[in-house]
Amino acid sequence: MPKMKTRKAAAKRYKVTGSGRVKRTKCGGNHGMIDKSRTRLRRCRNNDMVDSSMEKHVKRMLPYG
């Protein structure tokens, strides 16, 4: 039986925590910073969790999910 391949795009975007939840970064914090408010950029810094309804789909793309 061959090994399952990792979806590399997903592996770069998501990490599975110790408790099994999936961690992701918030969007909008890469470029065009001058136009965004400081508050908005500060909110982008914090990581977020993937919604529970999407967790199963994301984990399927990761090798250790």
PDB file of N, CA and C in Angstrom:
ATOM      1  N   MET A   1       0.845  -1.185   0.000  1.00  0.00           N
ATOM      2  CA  MET A   1       0.000   0.000   0.000  1.00  0.00           C
ATOM      3  C   MET A   1       0.892   1.251   0.000  1.00  0.00           C
ATOM      4  N   PRO A   2       0.731   2.139  -0.973  1.00  0.00           N
ATOM      5  CA  PRO A   2       1.575   3.340  -0.995  1.00  0.00           C
ATOM      6  C   PRO A   2       1.200   4.331   0.102  1.00  0.00           C
ATOM      7  N   LYS A   3       2.166   5.183   0.430  1.00  0.00           N
ATOM      8  CA  LYS A   3       1.920   6.199   1.451  1.00  0.00           C
ATOM      9  C   LYS A   3       1.014   7.296   0.894  1.00  0.00           C
ATOM     10  N   MET A   4       0.249   7.930   1.793  1.00  0.00           N
ATOM     11  CA  MET A   4      -0.583   9.062   1.393  1.00  0.00           C
ATOM     12  C   MET A   4       0.315  10.272   1.210  1.00  0.00           C
ATOM     13  N   LYS A   5       0.092  11.030   0.155  1.00  0.00           N
ATOM     14  CA  LYS A   5       0.886  12.232  -0.063  1.00  0.00           C
ATOM     15  C   LYS A   5       0.272  13.404   0.698  1.00  0.00           C
ATOM     16  N   THR A   6       1.155  14.277   1.190  1.00  0.00           N
ATOM     17  CA  THR A   6       0.717  15.482   1.887  1.00  0.00           C
ATOM     18  C   THR A   6       0.331  16.540   0.869  1.00  0.00           C
ATOM     19  N   ARG A   7      -0.750  17.250   1.125  1.00  0.00           N
ATOM     20  CA  ARG A   7      -1.071  18.421   0.306  1.00  0.00           C
ATOM     21  C   ARG A   7      -0.193  19.539   0.825  1.00  0.00           C
ATOM     22  N   LYS A   8       0.827  19.899   0.070  1.00  0.00           N
ATOM     23  CA  LYS A   8       1.838  20.841   0.544  1.00  0.00           C
ATOM     24  C   LYS A   8       1.255  22.220   0.835  1.00  0.00           C
ATOM     25  N   ALA A   9       0.289  22.657   0.038  1.00  0.00           N
ATOM     26  CA  ALA A   9      -0.335  23.964   0.273  1.00  0.00           C
ATOM     27  C   ALA A   9      -1.021  23.986   1.632  1.00  0.00           C
ATOM     28  N   ALA A  10      -1.671  22.883   1.992  1.00  0.00           N
ATOM     29  CA  ALA A  10      -2.359  22.794   3.281  1.00  0.00           C
ATOM     30  C   ALA A  10      -1.359  22.708   4.430  1.00  0.00           C
ATOM     31  N   ALA A  11      -0.271  21.976   4.219  1.00  0.00           N
ATOM     32  CA  ALA A  11       0.737  21.806   5.268  1.00  0.00           C
ATOM     33  C   ALA A  11       1.378  23.136   5.641  1.00  0.00           C
ATOM     34  N   LYS A  12       1.482  24.054   4.661  1.00  0.00           N
ATOM     35  CA  LYS A  12       2.066  25.364   4.937  1.00  0.00           C
ATOM     36  C   LYS A  12       1.090  26.269   5.671  1.00  0.00           C
ATOM     37  N   ARG A  13      -0.201  26.022   5.541  1.00  0.00           N
ATOM     38  CA  ARG A  13      -1.215  26.911   6.110  1.00  0.00           C
ATOM     39  C   ARG A  13      -1.750  26.475   7.467  1.00  0.00           C
ATOM     40  N   TYR A  14      -1.748  25.184   7.740  1.00  0.00           N
ATOM     41  CA  TYR A  14      -2.400  24.664   8.952  1.00  0.00           C
ATOM     42  C   TYR A  14      -1.434  23.849   9.798  1.00  0.00           C
ATOM     43  N   LYS A  15      -1.670  23.897  11.117  1.00  0.00           N
ATOM     44  CA  LYS A  15      -0.929  23.052  12.058  1.00  0.00           C
ATOM     45  C   LYS A  15      -1.952  22.431  13.009  1.00  0.00           C
ATOM     46  N   VAL A  16      -1.734  21.173  13.370  1.00  0.00           N
ATOM     47  CA  VAL A  16      -2.625  20.509  14.317  1.00  0.00           C
ATOM     48  C   VAL A  16      -2.053  20.695  15.717  1.00  0.00           C
ATOM     49  N   THR A  17      -2.885  21.147  16.653  1.00  0.00           N
ATOM     50  CA  THR A  17      -2.440  21.383  18.026  1.00  0.00           C
ATOM     51  C   THR A  17      -2.397  20.061  18.793  1.00  0.00           C
ATOM     52  N   GLY A  18      -1.898  20.122  20.002  1.00  0.00           N
ATOM     53  CA  GLY A  18      -1.798  18.925  20.838  1.00  0.00           C
ATOM     54  C   GLY A  18      -3.144  18.307  21.145  1.00  0.00           C
ATOM     55  N   SER A  19      -4.178  19.154  21.263  1.00  0.00           N
ATOM     56  CA  SER A  19      -5.514  18.649  21.583  1.00  0.00           C
ATOM     57  C   SER A  19      -6.264  18.171  20.335  1.00  0.00           C
ATOM     58  N   GLY A  20      -5.641  18.366  19.150  1.00  0.00           N
ATOM     59  CA  GLY A  20      -6.266  17.877  17.928  1.00  0.00           C
ATOM     60  C   GLY A  20      -7.025  18.922  17.128  1.00  0.00           C
ATOM     61  N   ARG A  21      -7.082  20.154  17.641  1.00  0.00           N
ATOM     62  CA  ARG A  21      -7.717  21.230  16.869  1.00  0.00           C
ATOM     63  C   ARG A  21      -6.757  21.688  15.782  1.00  0.00           C
ATOM     64  N   VAL A  22      -7.280  22.394  14.769  1.00  0.00           N
ATOM     65  CA  VAL A  22      -6.444  22.862  13.670  1.00  0.00           C
ATOM     66  C   VAL A  22      -6.270  24.372  13.768  1.00  0.00           C
ATOM     67  N   LYS A  23      -5.006  24.816  13.773  1.00  0.00           N
ATOM     68  CA  LYS A  23      -4.666  26.222  13.912  1.00  0.00           C
ATOM     69  C   LYS A  23      -4.403  26.817  12.540  1.00  0.00           C
ATOM     70  N   ARG A  24      -4.823  28.075  12.346  1.00  0.00           N
ATOM     71  CA  ARG A  24      -4.572  28.769  11.085  1.00  0.00           C
ATOM     72  C   ARG A  24      -4.262  30.235  11.376  1.00  0.00           C
ATOM     73  N   THR A  25      -3.651  30.920  10.397  1.00  0.00           N
ATOM     74  CA  THR A  25      -3.400  32.347  10.555  1.00  0.00           C
ATOM     75  C   THR A  25      -4.588  33.115   9.995  1.00  0.00           C
ATOM     76  N   LYS A  26      -4.761  34.330  10.488  1.00  0.00           N
ATOM     77  CA  LYS A  26      -5.845  35.171   9.982  1.00  0.00           C
ATOM     78  C   LYS A  26      -5.394  35.858   8.696  1.00  0.00           C
ATOM     79  N   CYS A  27      -6.352  36.176   7.842  1.00  0.00           N
ATOM     80  CA  CYS A  27      -6.016  36.734   6.533  1.00  0.00           C
ATOM     81  C   CYS A  27      -5.821  38.242   6.597  1.00  0.00           C
ATOM     82  N   GLY A  28      -5.166  38.776   5.574  1.00  0.00           N
ATOM     83  CA  GLY A  28      -5.077  40.221   5.397  1.00  0.00           C
ATOM     84  C   GLY A  28      -3.891  40.885   6.049  1.00  0.00           C
ATOM     85  N   GLY A  29      -2.924  40.135   6.559  1.00  0.00           N
ATOM     86  CA  GLY A  29      -1.812  40.757   7.258  1.00  0.00           C
ATOM     87  C   GLY A  29      -0.504  40.730   6.502  1.00  0.00           C
ATOM     88  N   ASN A  30      -0.534  40.652   5.182  1.00  0.00           N
ATOM     89  CA  ASN A  30       0.705  40.529   4.422  1.00  0.00           C
ATOM     90  C   ASN A  30       1.133  41.788   3.682  1.00  0.00           C
ATOM     91  N   HIS A  31       0.238  42.450   3.016  1.00  0.00           N
ATOM     92  CA  HIS A  31       0.640  43.650   2.267  1.00  0.00           C
ATOM     93  C   HIS A  31      -0.499  44.657   2.255  1.00  0.00           C
ATOM     94  N   GLY A  32      -0.187  45.876   1.807  1.00  0.00           N
ATOM     95  CA  GLY A  32      -1.176  46.956   1.823  1.00  0.00           C
ATOM     96  C   GLY A  32      -1.481  47.414   3.225  1.00  0.00           C
ATOM     97  N   MET A  33      -0.433  47.446   4.072  1.00  0.00           N
ATOM     98  CA  MET A  33      -0.618  47.734   5.494  1.00  0.00           C
ATOM     99  C   MET A  33      -1.014  49.184   5.768  1.00  0.00           C
ATOM    100  N   ILE A  34      -0.558  50.101   4.928  1.00  0.00           N
ATOM    101  CA  ILE A  34      -0.791  51.524   5.177  1.00  0.00           C
ATOM    102  C   ILE A  34      -2.287  51.842   5.146  1.00  0.00           C
ATOM    103  N   ASP A  35      -3.019  51.154   4.282  1.00  0.00           N
ATOM    104  CA  ASP A  35      -4.448  51.418   4.132  1.00  0.00           C
ATOM    105  C   ASP A  35      -5.298  50.834   5.253  1.00  0.00           C
ATOM    106  N   LYS A  36      -4.728  49.914   6.026  1.00  0.00           N
ATOM    107  CA  LYS A  36      -5.497  49.248   7.085  1.00  0.00           C
ATOM    108  C   LYS A  36      -5.246  49.927   8.420  1.00  0.00           C
ATOM    109  N   SER A  37      -6.258  49.906   9.273  1.00  0.00           N
ATOM    110  CA  SER A  37      -6.111  50.540  10.585  1.00  0.00           C
ATOM    111  C   SER A  37      -5.204  49.691  11.475  1.00  0.00           C
ATOM    112  N   ARG A  38      -4.603  50.336  12.469  1.00  0.00           N
ATOM    113  CA  ARG A  38      -3.711  49.617  13.393  1.00  0.00           C
ATOM    114  C   ARG A  38      -4.465  48.507  14.112  1.00  0.00           C
ATOM    115  N   THR A  39      -5.710  48.784  14.466  1.00  0.00           N
ATOM    116  CA  THR A  39      -6.532  47.795  15.185  1.00  0.00           C
ATOM    117  C   THR A  39      -6.729  46.552  14.335  1.00  0.00           C
ATOM    118  N   ARG A  40      -7.017  46.789  13.068  1.00  0.00           N
ATOM    119  CA  ARG A  40      -7.255  45.682  12.134  1.00  0.00           C
ATOM    120  C   ARG A  40      -5.998  44.831  11.968  1.00  0.00           C
ATOM    121  N   LEU A  41      -4.837  45.478  11.875  1.00  0.00           N
ATOM    122  CA  LEU A  41      -3.578  44.756  11.723  1.00  0.00           C
ATOM    123  C   LEU A  41      -3.226  43.995  12.992  1.00  0.00           C
ATOM    124  N   ARG A  42      -3.534  44.583  14.147  1.00  0.00           N
ATOM    125  CA  ARG A  42      -3.264  43.918  15.417  1.00  0.00           C
ATOM    126  C   ARG A  42      -4.083  42.640  15.528  1.00  0.00           C
ATOM    127  N   ARG A  43      -5.333  42.698  15.058  1.00  0.00           N
ATOM    128  CA  ARG A  43      -6.202  41.517  15.075  1.00  0.00           C
ATOM    129  C   ARG A  43      -5.685  40.423  14.147  1.00  0.00           C
ATOM    130  N   CYS A  44      -5.025  40.823  13.059  1.00  0.00           N
ATOM    131  CA  CYS A  44      -4.498  39.852  12.092  1.00  0.00           C
ATOM    132  C   CYS A  44      -3.311  39.067  12.642  1.00  0.00           C
ATOM    133  N   ARG A  45      -2.632  39.632  13.639  1.00  0.00           N
ATOM    134  CA  ARG A  45      -1.441  38.978  14.181  1.00  0.00           C
ATOM    135  C   ARG A  45      -1.777  37.671  14.891  1.00  0.00           C
ATOM    136  N   ASN A  46      -2.906  37.643  15.578  1.00  0.00           N
ATOM    137  CA  ASN A  46      -3.258  36.473  16.388  1.00  0.00           C
ATOM    138  C   ASN A  46      -3.701  35.319  15.500  1.00  0.00           C
ATOM    139  N   ASN A  47      -3.299  34.112  15.900  1.00  0.00           N
ATOM    140  CA  ASN A  47      -3.746  32.924  15.183  1.00  0.00           C
ATOM    141  C   ASN A  47      -5.182  32.619  15.559  1.00  0.00           C
ATOM    142  N   ASP A  48      -5.817  31.804  14.744  1.00  0.00           N
ATOM    143  CA  ASP A  48      -7.206  31.449  14.963  1.00  0.00           C
ATOM    144  C   ASP A  48      -7.349  29.947  14.752  1.00  0.00           C
ATOM    145  N   MET A  49      -8.460  29.383  15.167  1.00  0.00           N
ATOM    146  CA  MET A  49      -8.717  27.963  14.944  1.00  0.00           C
ATOM    147  C   MET A  49      -9.636  27.795  13.736  1.00  0.00           C
ATOM    148  N   VAL A  50      -9.455  26.680  13.040  1.00  0.00           N
ATOM    149  CA  VAL A  50     -10.356  26.345  11.943  1.00  0.00           C
ATOM    150  C   VAL A  50     -11.694  25.964  12.550  1.00  0.00           C
ATOM    151  N   ASP A  51     -12.777  26.332  11.905  1.00  0.00           N
ATOM    152  CA  ASP A  51     -14.112  26.018  12.404  1.00  0.00           C
ATOM    153  C   ASP A  51     -14.290  24.510  12.507  1.00  0.00           C
ATOM    154  N   SER A  52     -15.031  24.076  13.506  1.00  0.00           N
ATOM    155  CA  SER A  52     -15.192  22.638  13.758  1.00  0.00           C
ATOM    156  C   SER A  52     -15.829  21.902  12.585  1.00  0.00           C
ATOM    157  N   SER A  53     -16.664  22.609  11.811  1.00  0.00           N
ATOM    158  CA  SER A  53     -17.306  21.966  10.658  1.00  0.00           C
ATOM    159  C   SER A  53     -16.318  21.708   9.523  1.00  0.00           C
ATOM    160  N   MET A  54     -15.192  22.434   9.504  1.00  0.00           N
ATOM    161  CA  MET A  54     -14.199  22.266   8.442  1.00  0.00           C
ATOM    162  C   MET A  54     -12.978  21.453   8.871  1.00  0.00           C
ATOM    163  N   GLU A  55     -12.880  21.159  10.168  1.00  0.00           N
ATOM    164  CA  GLU A  55     -11.700  20.469  10.694  1.00  0.00           C
ATOM    165  C   GLU A  55     -11.429  19.142  10.007  1.00  0.00           C
ATOM    166  N   LYS A  56     -12.457  18.360   9.799  1.00  0.00           N
ATOM    167  CA  LYS A  56     -12.301  17.035   9.200  1.00  0.00           C
ATOM    168  C   LYS A  56     -11.709  17.134   7.796  1.00  0.00           C
ATOM    169  N   HIS A  57     -12.158  18.130   7.021  1.00  0.00           N
ATOM    170  CA  HIS A  57     -11.683  18.311   5.647  1.00  0.00           C
ATOM    171  C   HIS A  57     -10.208  18.714   5.623  1.00  0.00           C
ATOM    172  N   VAL A  58      -9.836  19.605   6.555  1.00  0.00           N
ATOM    173  CA  VAL A  58      -8.447  20.079   6.610  1.00  0.00           C
ATOM    174  C   VAL A  58      -7.527  18.949   7.059  1.00  0.00           C
ATOM    175  N   LYS A  59      -7.946  18.213   8.072  1.00  0.00           N
ATOM    176  CA  LYS A  59      -7.106  17.119   8.595  1.00  0.00           C
ATOM    177  C   LYS A  59      -6.859  16.035   7.549  1.00  0.00           C
ATOM    178  N   ARG A  60      -7.810  15.851   6.657  1.00  0.00           N
ATOM    179  CA  ARG A  60      -7.677  14.852   5.600  1.00  0.00           C
ATOM    180  C   ARG A  60      -6.523  15.206   4.645  1.00  0.00           C
ATOM    181  N   MET A  61      -6.215  16.495   4.542  1.00  0.00           N
ATOM    182  CA  MET A  61      -5.139  16.939   3.646  1.00  0.00           C
ATOM    183  C   MET A  61      -3.767  16.862   4.285  1.00  0.00           C
ATOM    184  N   LEU A  62      -3.724  16.714   5.621  1.00  0.00           N
ATOM    185  CA  LEU A  62      -2.454  16.681   6.339  1.00  0.00           C
ATOM    186  C   LEU A  62      -2.062  15.241   6.653  1.00  0.00           C
ATOM    187  N   PRO A  63      -0.764  14.943   6.694  1.00  0.00           N
ATOM    188  CA  PRO A  63      -0.341  13.559   6.899  1.00  0.00           C
ATOM    189  C   PRO A  63      -0.574  13.076   8.320  1.00  0.00           C
ATOM    190  N   TYR A  64      -0.556  14.006   9.284  1.00  0.00           N
ATOM    191  CA  TYR A  64      -0.643  13.625  10.696  1.00  0.00           C
ATOM    192  C   TYR A  64      -2.008  13.930  11.263  1.00  0.00           C
ATOM    193  N   GLY A  65      -2.996  14.206  10.398  1.00  0.00           N
ATOM    194  CA  GLY A  65      -4.324  14.602  10.848  1.00  0.00           C
ATOM    195  C   GLY A  65      -5.161  13.476  11.234  1.00  0.00           C
TER     196      GLY A  65
END
